[in-house]
């Protein structure tokens, strides 16, 4: 019986270790359409319930950051708050990666958690097929489009714009090959 078990174990080890030595299978990068097909995993927040905003880290400068793999900084507004304003189109948001820039592509989507309202993104990196969300007239009379999703533009100045359509509790879901992360914030 021991001989049979020993033979099976040796055969199993040989089968598992055969093939090219040192070759590791890596998954193919996902397209933006595949990332967009992932379900949104946003928390549910009842109207009137406190917004479970993600922890804030101060990383120098004036941009507090929230998030782990991708950190977002909303800056500090003139009234001292550090959150975006609802129904104001030019909430500049900066971002960076918490580790080395090994991440390939990151897709951002989001929504309001505690009532009616939507979250739109503006800037470079809008994904094809995202469809226009809304257009906003800027202070000089120009038409600025905002979309329901955004590809983080790796070659950009690491900034984009948020347009929360109302004050309330919002979340951004960042999806990549390596992670799926949700960041919750307030729009005031």
N, C-alpha and C. Protein backbone atom coordinates (compact mmCIF):
# COMPACT_ATOMS: atom_id res chain seq x y z
N UNK A 1 0.82 -1.19 0.00
CA UNK A 1 0.00 0.00 0.00
C UNK A 1 0.86 1.26 0.00
N UNK A 2 1.96 1.25 0.82
CA UNK A 2 2.85 2.40 0.86
C UNK A 2 3.49 2.65 -0.50
N UNK A 3 3.83 1.60 -1.20
CA UNK A 3 4.46 1.74 -2.51
C UNK A 3 3.49 2.42 -3.48
N UNK A 4 2.22 2.03 -3.43
CA UNK A 4 1.22 2.59 -4.32
C UNK A 4 1.04 4.09 -4.01
N UNK A 5 0.92 4.43 -2.73
CA UNK A 5 0.74 5.83 -2.36
C UNK A 5 1.97 6.64 -2.73
N UNK A 6 3.17 6.09 -2.47
CA UNK A 6 4.41 6.79 -2.84
C UNK A 6 4.48 7.02 -4.33
N UNK A 7 4.11 6.04 -5.12
CA UNK A 7 4.13 6.17 -6.57
C UNK A 7 3.14 7.24 -7.03
N UNK A 8 1.94 7.28 -6.42
CA UNK A 8 0.95 8.29 -6.78
C UNK A 8 1.44 9.70 -6.44
N UNK A 9 2.05 9.85 -5.26
CA UNK A 9 2.54 11.16 -4.85
C UNK A 9 3.66 11.63 -5.77
N UNK A 10 4.61 10.76 -6.10
CA UNK A 10 5.70 11.12 -7.00
C UNK A 10 5.15 11.48 -8.37
N UNK A 11 4.18 10.71 -8.87
CA UNK A 11 3.56 11.00 -10.17
C UNK A 11 2.85 12.34 -10.17
N UNK A 12 2.16 12.65 -9.07
CA UNK A 12 1.46 13.93 -8.96
C UNK A 12 2.45 15.09 -8.95
N UNK A 13 3.54 14.94 -8.22
CA UNK A 13 4.57 15.99 -8.16
C UNK A 13 5.18 16.20 -9.54
N UNK A 14 5.48 15.12 -10.24
CA UNK A 14 6.08 15.25 -11.58
C UNK A 14 5.10 15.92 -12.54
N UNK A 15 3.82 15.56 -12.44
CA UNK A 15 2.83 16.16 -13.33
C UNK A 15 2.69 17.66 -13.07
N UNK A 16 2.75 18.04 -11.81
CA UNK A 16 2.58 19.45 -11.45
C UNK A 16 3.80 20.29 -11.81
N UNK A 17 4.98 19.69 -11.82
CA UNK A 17 6.19 20.46 -12.07
C UNK A 17 6.70 20.32 -13.49
N UNK A 18 6.05 19.52 -14.31
CA UNK A 18 6.53 19.39 -15.68
C UNK A 18 6.18 20.62 -16.48
N UNK A 19 6.82 20.82 -17.58
CA UNK A 19 6.62 22.01 -18.41
C UNK A 19 7.84 22.89 -18.32
N UNK A 20 7.72 24.11 -18.85
CA UNK A 20 8.87 24.99 -18.86
C UNK A 20 9.12 25.55 -17.47
N UNK A 21 10.33 25.42 -17.05
CA UNK A 21 10.71 25.92 -15.73
C UNK A 21 10.78 27.43 -15.76
N UNK A 22 10.30 28.07 -14.69
CA UNK A 22 10.40 29.51 -14.56
C UNK A 22 9.34 30.29 -15.31
N UNK A 23 8.45 29.64 -16.03
CA UNK A 23 7.42 30.34 -16.78
C UNK A 23 6.17 30.48 -15.92
N UNK A 24 5.72 31.69 -15.73
CA UNK A 24 4.54 31.95 -14.93
C UNK A 24 3.47 32.52 -15.84
N UNK A 25 2.29 31.95 -15.76
CA UNK A 25 1.19 32.44 -16.59
C UNK A 25 0.69 33.76 -16.02
N UNK A 26 0.59 34.76 -16.88
CA UNK A 26 0.05 36.04 -16.45
C UNK A 26 -1.26 36.27 -17.19
N UNK A 27 -2.27 36.76 -16.48
CA UNK A 27 -3.54 37.00 -17.15
C UNK A 27 -3.42 38.14 -18.15
N UNK A 28 -4.23 38.07 -19.19
CA UNK A 28 -4.24 39.14 -20.18
C UNK A 28 -4.84 40.38 -19.55
N UNK A 29 -4.35 41.56 -19.92
CA UNK A 29 -4.96 42.78 -19.38
C UNK A 29 -6.42 42.87 -19.81
N UNK A 30 -7.24 43.36 -18.91
CA UNK A 30 -8.65 43.51 -19.24
C UNK A 30 -8.86 44.82 -20.00
N UNK A 31 -9.80 44.79 -20.92
CA UNK A 31 -10.14 46.00 -21.67
C UNK A 31 -11.03 46.87 -20.79
N UNK A 32 -11.23 48.10 -21.19
CA UNK A 32 -12.11 48.98 -20.44
C UNK A 32 -13.55 48.47 -20.46
N UNK A 33 -13.94 47.84 -21.56
CA UNK A 33 -15.28 47.28 -21.62
C UNK A 33 -15.43 46.15 -20.61
N UNK A 34 -14.40 45.32 -20.44
CA UNK A 34 -14.45 44.26 -19.44
C UNK A 34 -14.47 44.83 -18.03
N UNK A 35 -13.68 45.87 -17.79
CA UNK A 35 -13.70 46.51 -16.48
C UNK A 35 -15.07 47.14 -16.20
N UNK A 36 -15.66 47.77 -17.22
CA UNK A 36 -16.97 48.41 -17.06
C UNK A 36 -18.08 47.38 -16.84
N UNK A 37 -17.85 46.14 -17.28
CA UNK A 37 -18.86 45.10 -17.08
C UNK A 37 -18.86 44.55 -15.65
N UNK A 38 -17.83 44.86 -14.87
CA UNK A 38 -17.83 44.44 -13.47
C UNK A 38 -18.99 45.13 -12.75
N UNK A 39 -19.61 44.42 -11.83
CA UNK A 39 -20.70 45.08 -11.09
C UNK A 39 -20.18 46.17 -10.16
N UNK A 40 -20.98 47.21 -9.99
CA UNK A 40 -20.65 48.22 -8.99
C UNK A 40 -20.94 47.63 -7.62
N UNK A 41 -20.00 47.75 -6.71
CA UNK A 41 -20.15 47.21 -5.35
C UNK A 41 -20.13 48.37 -4.36
N UNK A 42 -21.09 49.26 -4.52
CA UNK A 42 -21.16 50.45 -3.69
C UNK A 42 -22.01 50.18 -2.46
N UNK A 43 -21.64 50.76 -1.32
CA UNK A 43 -22.45 50.56 -0.11
C UNK A 43 -23.82 51.21 -0.26
N UNK A 44 -24.76 50.74 0.51
CA UNK A 44 -26.10 51.32 0.52
C UNK A 44 -26.18 52.23 1.75
N UNK A 45 -26.60 53.47 1.53
CA UNK A 45 -26.73 54.43 2.61
C UNK A 45 -28.15 54.99 2.56
N UNK A 46 -28.90 54.80 3.63
CA UNK A 46 -30.26 55.31 3.68
C UNK A 46 -30.25 56.83 3.79
N UNK A 47 -31.28 57.46 3.24
CA UNK A 47 -31.40 58.92 3.33
C UNK A 47 -31.36 59.33 4.80
N UNK A 48 -30.58 60.33 5.11
CA UNK A 48 -30.46 60.82 6.48
C UNK A 48 -29.41 60.10 7.32
N UNK A 49 -28.92 58.95 6.83
CA UNK A 49 -27.88 58.21 7.56
C UNK A 49 -26.54 58.90 7.33
N UNK A 50 -25.63 58.80 8.29
CA UNK A 50 -24.30 59.41 8.15
C UNK A 50 -23.56 58.77 6.97
N UNK A 51 -22.81 59.58 6.26
CA UNK A 51 -22.02 59.11 5.11
C UNK A 51 -20.77 58.40 5.64
N UNK A 52 -20.57 57.14 5.29
CA UNK A 52 -19.39 56.40 5.77
C UNK A 52 -18.15 56.74 4.94
N UNK A 53 -17.74 58.00 4.97
CA UNK A 53 -16.63 58.47 4.14
C UNK A 53 -15.36 57.69 4.44
N UNK A 54 -14.60 57.43 3.41
CA UNK A 54 -13.32 56.73 3.54
C UNK A 54 -12.36 57.57 4.36
N UNK A 55 -11.41 56.89 5.01
CA UNK A 55 -10.41 57.58 5.83
C UNK A 55 -9.58 58.53 4.97
N UNK A 56 -9.20 59.64 5.55
CA UNK A 56 -8.41 60.66 4.86
C UNK A 56 -6.99 60.63 5.38
N UNK A 57 -6.04 60.72 4.47
CA UNK A 57 -4.63 60.79 4.84
C UNK A 57 -4.07 62.09 4.29
N UNK A 58 -3.34 62.82 5.10
CA UNK A 58 -2.70 64.03 4.61
C UNK A 58 -1.30 63.67 4.13
N UNK A 59 -1.05 63.88 2.86
CA UNK A 59 0.23 63.49 2.26
C UNK A 59 1.04 64.69 1.82
N UNK A 60 1.06 65.72 2.63
CA UNK A 60 1.80 66.91 2.23
C UNK A 60 0.96 67.76 1.31
N UNK A 61 1.34 68.99 1.16
CA UNK A 61 0.58 69.89 0.31
C UNK A 61 -0.79 70.15 0.91
N UNK A 62 -1.74 70.47 0.08
CA UNK A 62 -3.08 70.77 0.58
C UNK A 62 -4.11 69.78 0.07
N UNK A 63 -3.70 68.64 -0.43
CA UNK A 63 -4.66 67.69 -0.97
C UNK A 63 -4.77 66.46 -0.09
N UNK A 64 -5.77 66.40 0.80
CA UNK A 64 -5.97 65.18 1.57
C UNK A 64 -6.32 64.05 0.61
N UNK A 65 -5.85 62.85 0.88
CA UNK A 65 -6.08 61.71 0.00
C UNK A 65 -6.98 60.68 0.67
N UNK A 66 -7.87 60.08 -0.12
CA UNK A 66 -8.66 58.96 0.34
C UNK A 66 -8.45 57.81 -0.63
N UNK A 67 -8.49 56.58 -0.14
CA UNK A 67 -8.30 55.41 -0.98
C UNK A 67 -7.07 54.64 -0.55
N UNK A 68 -6.89 53.47 -1.15
CA UNK A 68 -5.72 52.65 -0.84
C UNK A 68 -4.85 52.46 -2.07
N UNK A 69 -5.32 51.71 -3.05
CA UNK A 69 -4.52 51.48 -4.26
C UNK A 69 -4.40 52.76 -5.09
N UNK A 70 -5.53 53.42 -5.30
CA UNK A 70 -5.55 54.71 -5.98
C UNK A 70 -6.01 55.71 -4.95
N UNK A 71 -5.24 56.77 -4.75
CA UNK A 71 -5.62 57.78 -3.76
C UNK A 71 -6.14 59.01 -4.49
N UNK A 72 -7.23 59.56 -3.98
CA UNK A 72 -7.84 60.74 -4.56
C UNK A 72 -7.71 61.91 -3.60
N UNK A 73 -7.36 63.07 -4.11
CA UNK A 73 -7.27 64.27 -3.29
C UNK A 73 -8.24 65.31 -3.81
N UNK A 74 -9.13 65.78 -2.94
CA UNK A 74 -10.13 66.74 -3.34
C UNK A 74 -9.72 68.18 -3.10
N UNK A 75 -8.59 68.40 -2.47
CA UNK A 75 -8.17 69.76 -2.19
C UNK A 75 -8.96 70.37 -1.06
N UNK A 76 -8.64 71.57 -0.69
CA UNK A 76 -9.34 72.27 0.38
C UNK A 76 -10.00 73.51 -0.22
N UNK A 77 -11.29 73.61 -0.01
CA UNK A 77 -12.06 74.73 -0.57
C UNK A 77 -11.88 75.98 0.29
N UNK A 78 -12.33 77.10 -0.21
CA UNK A 78 -12.19 78.39 0.48
C UNK A 78 -12.87 78.37 1.86
N UNK A 79 -13.96 77.59 2.01
CA UNK A 79 -14.65 77.56 3.30
C UNK A 79 -13.99 76.59 4.28
N UNK A 80 -12.87 75.98 3.89
CA UNK A 80 -12.13 75.08 4.77
C UNK A 80 -12.52 73.62 4.64
N UNK A 81 -13.60 73.31 3.93
CA UNK A 81 -13.98 71.90 3.76
C UNK A 81 -13.08 71.26 2.71
N UNK A 82 -12.96 69.96 2.77
CA UNK A 82 -12.09 69.28 1.82
C UNK A 82 -12.87 68.38 0.88
N UNK A 83 -14.14 68.62 0.72
CA UNK A 83 -14.97 67.77 -0.13
C UNK A 83 -15.43 68.54 -1.36
N UNK A 84 -15.79 67.82 -2.43
CA UNK A 84 -16.34 68.49 -3.61
C UNK A 84 -17.68 69.16 -3.28
N UNK A 85 -18.08 70.08 -4.13
CA UNK A 85 -19.37 70.76 -3.99
C UNK A 85 -20.37 70.11 -4.92
N UNK A 86 -21.58 69.89 -4.44
CA UNK A 86 -22.64 69.37 -5.29
C UNK A 86 -23.05 70.40 -6.32
N UNK A 87 -23.37 69.96 -7.51
CA UNK A 87 -23.82 70.82 -8.62
C UNK A 87 -22.82 71.91 -8.96
N UNK A 88 -21.56 71.62 -8.84
CA UNK A 88 -20.53 72.54 -9.28
C UNK A 88 -19.57 71.74 -10.15
N UNK A 89 -19.42 72.12 -11.38
CA UNK A 89 -18.76 71.28 -12.37
C UNK A 89 -17.26 71.14 -12.21
N UNK A 90 -16.61 72.11 -11.61
CA UNK A 90 -15.17 72.05 -11.67
C UNK A 90 -14.54 71.73 -10.33
N UNK A 91 -14.90 70.57 -9.79
CA UNK A 91 -14.30 70.04 -8.58
C UNK A 91 -13.03 69.30 -9.01
N UNK A 92 -11.91 70.00 -9.02
CA UNK A 92 -10.67 69.37 -9.47
C UNK A 92 -10.27 68.29 -8.47
N UNK A 93 -9.97 67.12 -8.99
CA UNK A 93 -9.59 65.98 -8.17
C UNK A 93 -8.24 65.48 -8.65
N UNK A 94 -7.31 65.37 -7.75
CA UNK A 94 -5.99 64.85 -8.10
C UNK A 94 -5.93 63.40 -7.66
N UNK A 95 -5.02 62.64 -8.24
CA UNK A 95 -4.91 61.23 -7.89
C UNK A 95 -3.46 60.79 -7.99
N UNK A 96 -3.16 59.71 -7.28
CA UNK A 96 -1.87 59.05 -7.41
C UNK A 96 -2.02 57.59 -6.97
N UNK A 97 -1.02 56.80 -7.28
CA UNK A 97 -1.01 55.40 -6.87
C UNK A 97 -0.24 55.30 -5.56
N UNK A 98 -0.69 54.42 -4.67
CA UNK A 98 -0.03 54.28 -3.38
C UNK A 98 1.24 53.46 -3.49
N UNK A 99 1.41 52.69 -4.53
CA UNK A 99 2.60 51.87 -4.72
C UNK A 99 3.26 52.21 -6.04
N UNK A 100 4.12 51.33 -6.49
CA UNK A 100 4.77 51.58 -7.78
C UNK A 100 3.74 51.60 -8.91
N UNK A 101 4.01 52.28 -9.98
CA UNK A 101 3.03 52.40 -11.07
C UNK A 101 2.97 51.14 -11.93
N UNK A 102 2.75 50.00 -11.30
CA UNK A 102 2.65 48.74 -12.03
C UNK A 102 1.25 48.52 -12.57
N UNK A 103 0.31 49.33 -12.12
CA UNK A 103 -1.06 49.16 -12.56
C UNK A 103 -1.19 49.54 -14.02
N UNK A 104 -1.91 48.76 -14.76
CA UNK A 104 -2.04 49.04 -16.19
C UNK A 104 -3.09 50.11 -16.45
N UNK A 105 -4.33 49.75 -16.26
CA UNK A 105 -5.43 50.64 -16.58
C UNK A 105 -6.38 50.69 -15.40
N UNK A 106 -6.94 51.84 -15.16
CA UNK A 106 -7.91 52.01 -14.08
C UNK A 106 -9.13 52.71 -14.64
N UNK A 107 -10.29 52.16 -14.37
CA UNK A 107 -11.55 52.73 -14.81
C UNK A 107 -12.32 53.22 -13.59
N UNK A 108 -12.81 54.46 -13.65
CA UNK A 108 -13.58 55.04 -12.56
C UNK A 108 -15.05 55.14 -12.94
N UNK A 109 -15.91 54.75 -12.00
CA UNK A 109 -17.35 54.93 -12.12
C UNK A 109 -17.85 55.32 -10.73
N UNK A 110 -19.03 55.90 -10.65
CA UNK A 110 -19.52 56.26 -9.33
C UNK A 110 -20.99 56.61 -9.32
N UNK A 111 -21.48 56.91 -8.12
CA UNK A 111 -22.89 57.21 -7.96
C UNK A 111 -23.14 57.85 -6.60
N UNK A 112 -24.32 58.44 -6.45
CA UNK A 112 -24.75 58.92 -5.14
C UNK A 112 -25.30 57.72 -4.37
N UNK A 113 -25.05 57.68 -3.09
CA UNK A 113 -25.43 56.54 -2.26
C UNK A 113 -26.69 56.78 -1.44
N UNK A 114 -26.98 58.04 -1.11
CA UNK A 114 -28.04 58.31 -0.13
C UNK A 114 -29.25 59.05 -0.71
N UNK A 115 -29.46 58.97 -1.98
CA UNK A 115 -30.61 59.64 -2.59
C UNK A 115 -30.43 59.80 -4.08
N UNK A 116 -31.26 60.65 -4.64
CA UNK A 116 -31.18 60.92 -6.08
C UNK A 116 -29.95 61.77 -6.36
N UNK A 117 -29.36 61.55 -7.48
CA UNK A 117 -28.19 62.30 -7.90
C UNK A 117 -27.21 61.37 -8.57
N UNK A 118 -26.38 61.94 -9.40
CA UNK A 118 -25.41 61.15 -10.15
C UNK A 118 -24.04 61.76 -10.00
N UNK A 119 -23.04 61.00 -10.39
CA UNK A 119 -21.66 61.45 -10.36
C UNK A 119 -21.10 61.33 -11.77
N UNK A 120 -20.55 62.43 -12.26
CA UNK A 120 -19.97 62.45 -13.60
C UNK A 120 -18.50 62.86 -13.52
N UNK A 121 -17.75 62.50 -14.56
CA UNK A 121 -16.32 62.76 -14.62
C UNK A 121 -15.99 63.58 -15.86
N UNK A 122 -15.03 64.46 -15.74
CA UNK A 122 -14.56 65.25 -16.87
C UNK A 122 -13.05 65.24 -16.93
N UNK A 123 -12.53 65.52 -18.12
CA UNK A 123 -11.09 65.55 -18.30
C UNK A 123 -10.65 64.57 -19.35
N UNK A 124 -9.33 64.40 -19.47
CA UNK A 124 -8.78 63.43 -20.42
C UNK A 124 -9.08 62.02 -19.95
N UNK A 125 -9.18 61.09 -20.88
CA UNK A 125 -9.32 59.68 -20.52
C UNK A 125 -10.73 59.16 -20.56
N UNK A 126 -11.66 59.92 -21.13
CA UNK A 126 -13.03 59.41 -21.23
C UNK A 126 -12.99 58.18 -22.12
N UNK A 127 -13.64 57.11 -21.68
CA UNK A 127 -13.61 55.88 -22.47
C UNK A 127 -14.59 55.97 -23.62
N UNK A 128 -14.22 55.36 -24.72
CA UNK A 128 -15.12 55.35 -25.87
C UNK A 128 -16.36 54.55 -25.50
N UNK A 129 -17.47 54.95 -26.02
CA UNK A 129 -18.71 54.23 -25.76
C UNK A 129 -19.34 54.58 -24.42
N UNK A 130 -18.73 55.48 -23.66
CA UNK A 130 -19.29 55.83 -22.36
C UNK A 130 -20.58 56.63 -22.51
N UNK A 131 -20.75 57.29 -23.64
CA UNK A 131 -21.93 58.10 -23.85
C UNK A 131 -21.87 59.37 -23.02
N UNK A 132 -22.26 60.46 -23.60
CA UNK A 132 -22.22 61.73 -22.88
C UNK A 132 -23.21 61.67 -21.73
N UNK A 133 -22.79 62.18 -20.60
CA UNK A 133 -23.67 62.23 -19.44
C UNK A 133 -24.42 63.54 -19.41
N UNK A 134 -23.67 64.63 -19.19
CA UNK A 134 -24.25 65.95 -19.14
C UNK A 134 -23.25 66.94 -19.72
N UNK A 135 -23.74 68.10 -20.08
CA UNK A 135 -22.85 69.19 -20.48
C UNK A 135 -23.11 70.36 -19.55
N UNK A 136 -22.04 71.07 -19.24
CA UNK A 136 -22.10 72.20 -18.31
C UNK A 136 -21.45 73.39 -19.00
N UNK A 137 -22.01 74.55 -18.78
CA UNK A 137 -21.43 75.78 -19.33
C UNK A 137 -20.41 76.31 -18.33
N UNK A 138 -19.17 76.51 -18.78
CA UNK A 138 -18.14 77.03 -17.87
C UNK A 138 -18.25 78.55 -17.73
N UNK A 139 -17.38 79.14 -16.93
CA UNK A 139 -17.46 80.57 -16.64
C UNK A 139 -17.21 81.45 -17.87
N UNK A 140 -16.62 80.90 -18.91
CA UNK A 140 -16.35 81.66 -20.14
C UNK A 140 -17.36 81.36 -21.23
N UNK A 141 -18.41 80.58 -20.90
CA UNK A 141 -19.45 80.27 -21.87
C UNK A 141 -19.17 79.03 -22.70
N UNK A 142 -18.09 78.33 -22.42
CA UNK A 142 -17.78 77.11 -23.16
C UNK A 142 -18.59 75.92 -22.65
N UNK A 143 -18.85 74.98 -23.54
CA UNK A 143 -19.60 73.78 -23.18
C UNK A 143 -18.60 72.70 -22.78
N UNK A 144 -18.77 72.16 -21.58
CA UNK A 144 -17.86 71.15 -21.05
C UNK A 144 -18.64 69.86 -20.84
N UNK A 145 -18.23 68.77 -21.50
CA UNK A 145 -18.95 67.50 -21.31
C UNK A 145 -18.44 66.75 -20.07
N UNK A 146 -19.35 66.06 -19.39
CA UNK A 146 -19.03 65.17 -18.28
C UNK A 146 -19.66 63.82 -18.57
N UNK A 147 -18.98 62.74 -18.15
CA UNK A 147 -19.36 61.39 -18.53
C UNK A 147 -19.54 60.49 -17.31
N UNK A 148 -20.26 59.37 -17.48
CA UNK A 148 -20.49 58.48 -16.34
C UNK A 148 -19.28 57.63 -15.94
N UNK A 149 -18.25 57.61 -16.75
CA UNK A 149 -17.04 56.86 -16.38
C UNK A 149 -15.81 57.51 -16.99
N UNK A 150 -14.67 57.19 -16.40
CA UNK A 150 -13.42 57.81 -16.81
C UNK A 150 -12.29 56.80 -16.71
N UNK A 151 -11.45 56.77 -17.71
CA UNK A 151 -10.21 56.00 -17.66
C UNK A 151 -9.15 56.93 -17.10
N UNK A 152 -8.47 56.50 -16.03
CA UNK A 152 -7.40 57.35 -15.50
C UNK A 152 -6.33 57.51 -16.56
N UNK A 153 -6.06 58.72 -16.98
CA UNK A 153 -5.05 58.94 -18.01
C UNK A 153 -3.65 58.92 -17.40
N UNK A 154 -2.95 57.84 -17.60
CA UNK A 154 -1.64 57.64 -16.98
C UNK A 154 -0.65 58.72 -17.40
N UNK A 155 -0.81 59.25 -18.60
CA UNK A 155 0.14 60.24 -19.09
C UNK A 155 -0.35 61.67 -18.85
N UNK A 156 -1.29 61.85 -17.94
CA UNK A 156 -1.85 63.18 -17.71
C UNK A 156 -1.13 63.89 -16.57
N UNK A 157 -1.69 64.99 -16.16
CA UNK A 157 -1.16 65.71 -15.01
C UNK A 157 -1.74 65.16 -13.72
N UNK A 158 -2.32 63.98 -13.76
CA UNK A 158 -2.89 63.28 -12.61
C UNK A 158 -4.03 64.08 -11.98
N UNK A 159 -4.89 64.64 -12.83
CA UNK A 159 -6.05 65.37 -12.34
C UNK A 159 -7.24 65.13 -13.27
N UNK A 160 -8.42 65.17 -12.70
CA UNK A 160 -9.66 65.13 -13.47
C UNK A 160 -10.69 65.95 -12.70
N UNK A 161 -11.90 66.06 -13.24
CA UNK A 161 -12.94 66.85 -12.61
C UNK A 161 -14.12 65.97 -12.27
N UNK A 162 -14.71 66.23 -11.10
CA UNK A 162 -15.92 65.54 -10.67
C UNK A 162 -17.11 66.48 -10.79
N UNK A 163 -18.25 65.94 -11.14
CA UNK A 163 -19.49 66.70 -11.12
C UNK A 163 -20.53 65.88 -10.37
N UNK A 164 -20.63 66.07 -9.04
CA UNK A 164 -21.75 65.46 -8.32
C UNK A 164 -22.98 66.34 -8.54
N UNK A 165 -24.09 65.77 -8.95
CA UNK A 165 -25.25 66.58 -9.32
C UNK A 165 -26.01 67.15 -8.14
N UNK A 166 -25.64 66.76 -6.92
CA UNK A 166 -26.30 67.27 -5.72
C UNK A 166 -25.34 67.10 -4.55
N UNK A 167 -25.67 67.73 -3.45
CA UNK A 167 -24.92 67.47 -2.21
C UNK A 167 -25.37 66.10 -1.69
N UNK A 168 -24.47 65.39 -1.03
CA UNK A 168 -24.84 64.08 -0.48
C UNK A 168 -23.63 63.17 -0.36
N UNK A 169 -23.92 61.90 -0.19
CA UNK A 169 -22.89 60.87 -0.02
C UNK A 169 -22.68 60.16 -1.35
N UNK A 170 -21.44 60.14 -1.82
CA UNK A 170 -21.11 59.56 -3.13
C UNK A 170 -20.00 58.53 -2.98
N UNK A 171 -19.84 57.71 -4.01
CA UNK A 171 -18.74 56.75 -4.03
C UNK A 171 -18.17 56.66 -5.43
N UNK A 172 -16.87 56.45 -5.48
CA UNK A 172 -16.17 56.16 -6.74
C UNK A 172 -15.67 54.73 -6.64
N UNK A 173 -15.93 53.92 -7.67
CA UNK A 173 -15.34 52.59 -7.74
C UNK A 173 -14.24 52.63 -8.77
N UNK A 174 -13.04 52.23 -8.36
CA UNK A 174 -11.88 52.17 -9.26
C UNK A 174 -11.62 50.70 -9.55
N UNK A 175 -11.65 50.32 -10.82
CA UNK A 175 -11.41 48.94 -11.23
C UNK A 175 -10.17 48.85 -12.09
N UNK A 176 -9.36 47.83 -11.83
CA UNK A 176 -8.16 47.55 -12.61
C UNK A 176 -7.99 46.04 -12.67
N UNK A 177 -6.99 45.59 -13.41
CA UNK A 177 -6.69 44.15 -13.43
C UNK A 177 -6.36 43.67 -12.02
N UNK A 178 -5.68 44.52 -11.25
CA UNK A 178 -5.14 44.12 -9.97
C UNK A 178 -6.08 44.36 -8.80
N UNK A 179 -7.12 45.17 -8.93
CA UNK A 179 -7.98 45.48 -7.79
C UNK A 179 -9.31 46.05 -8.23
N UNK A 180 -10.22 46.07 -7.28
CA UNK A 180 -11.48 46.80 -7.39
C UNK A 180 -11.65 47.46 -6.03
N UNK A 181 -11.75 48.79 -6.02
CA UNK A 181 -11.74 49.54 -4.77
C UNK A 181 -12.84 50.59 -4.80
N UNK A 182 -13.48 50.80 -3.65
CA UNK A 182 -14.53 51.81 -3.52
C UNK A 182 -14.06 52.87 -2.53
N UNK A 183 -14.21 54.13 -2.91
CA UNK A 183 -13.88 55.26 -2.06
C UNK A 183 -15.18 56.06 -1.87
N UNK A 184 -15.54 56.31 -0.60
CA UNK A 184 -16.77 57.04 -0.29
C UNK A 184 -16.40 58.44 0.18
N UNK A 185 -17.14 59.45 -0.29
CA UNK A 185 -16.89 60.83 0.09
C UNK A 185 -18.18 61.62 0.14
N UNK A 186 -18.14 62.77 0.76
CA UNK A 186 -19.29 63.66 0.82
C UNK A 186 -19.13 64.77 -0.21
N UNK A 187 -20.23 65.16 -0.81
CA UNK A 187 -20.28 66.39 -1.60
C UNK A 187 -21.13 67.35 -0.81
N UNK A 188 -20.61 68.55 -0.56
CA UNK A 188 -21.29 69.50 0.30
C UNK A 188 -21.96 70.61 -0.49
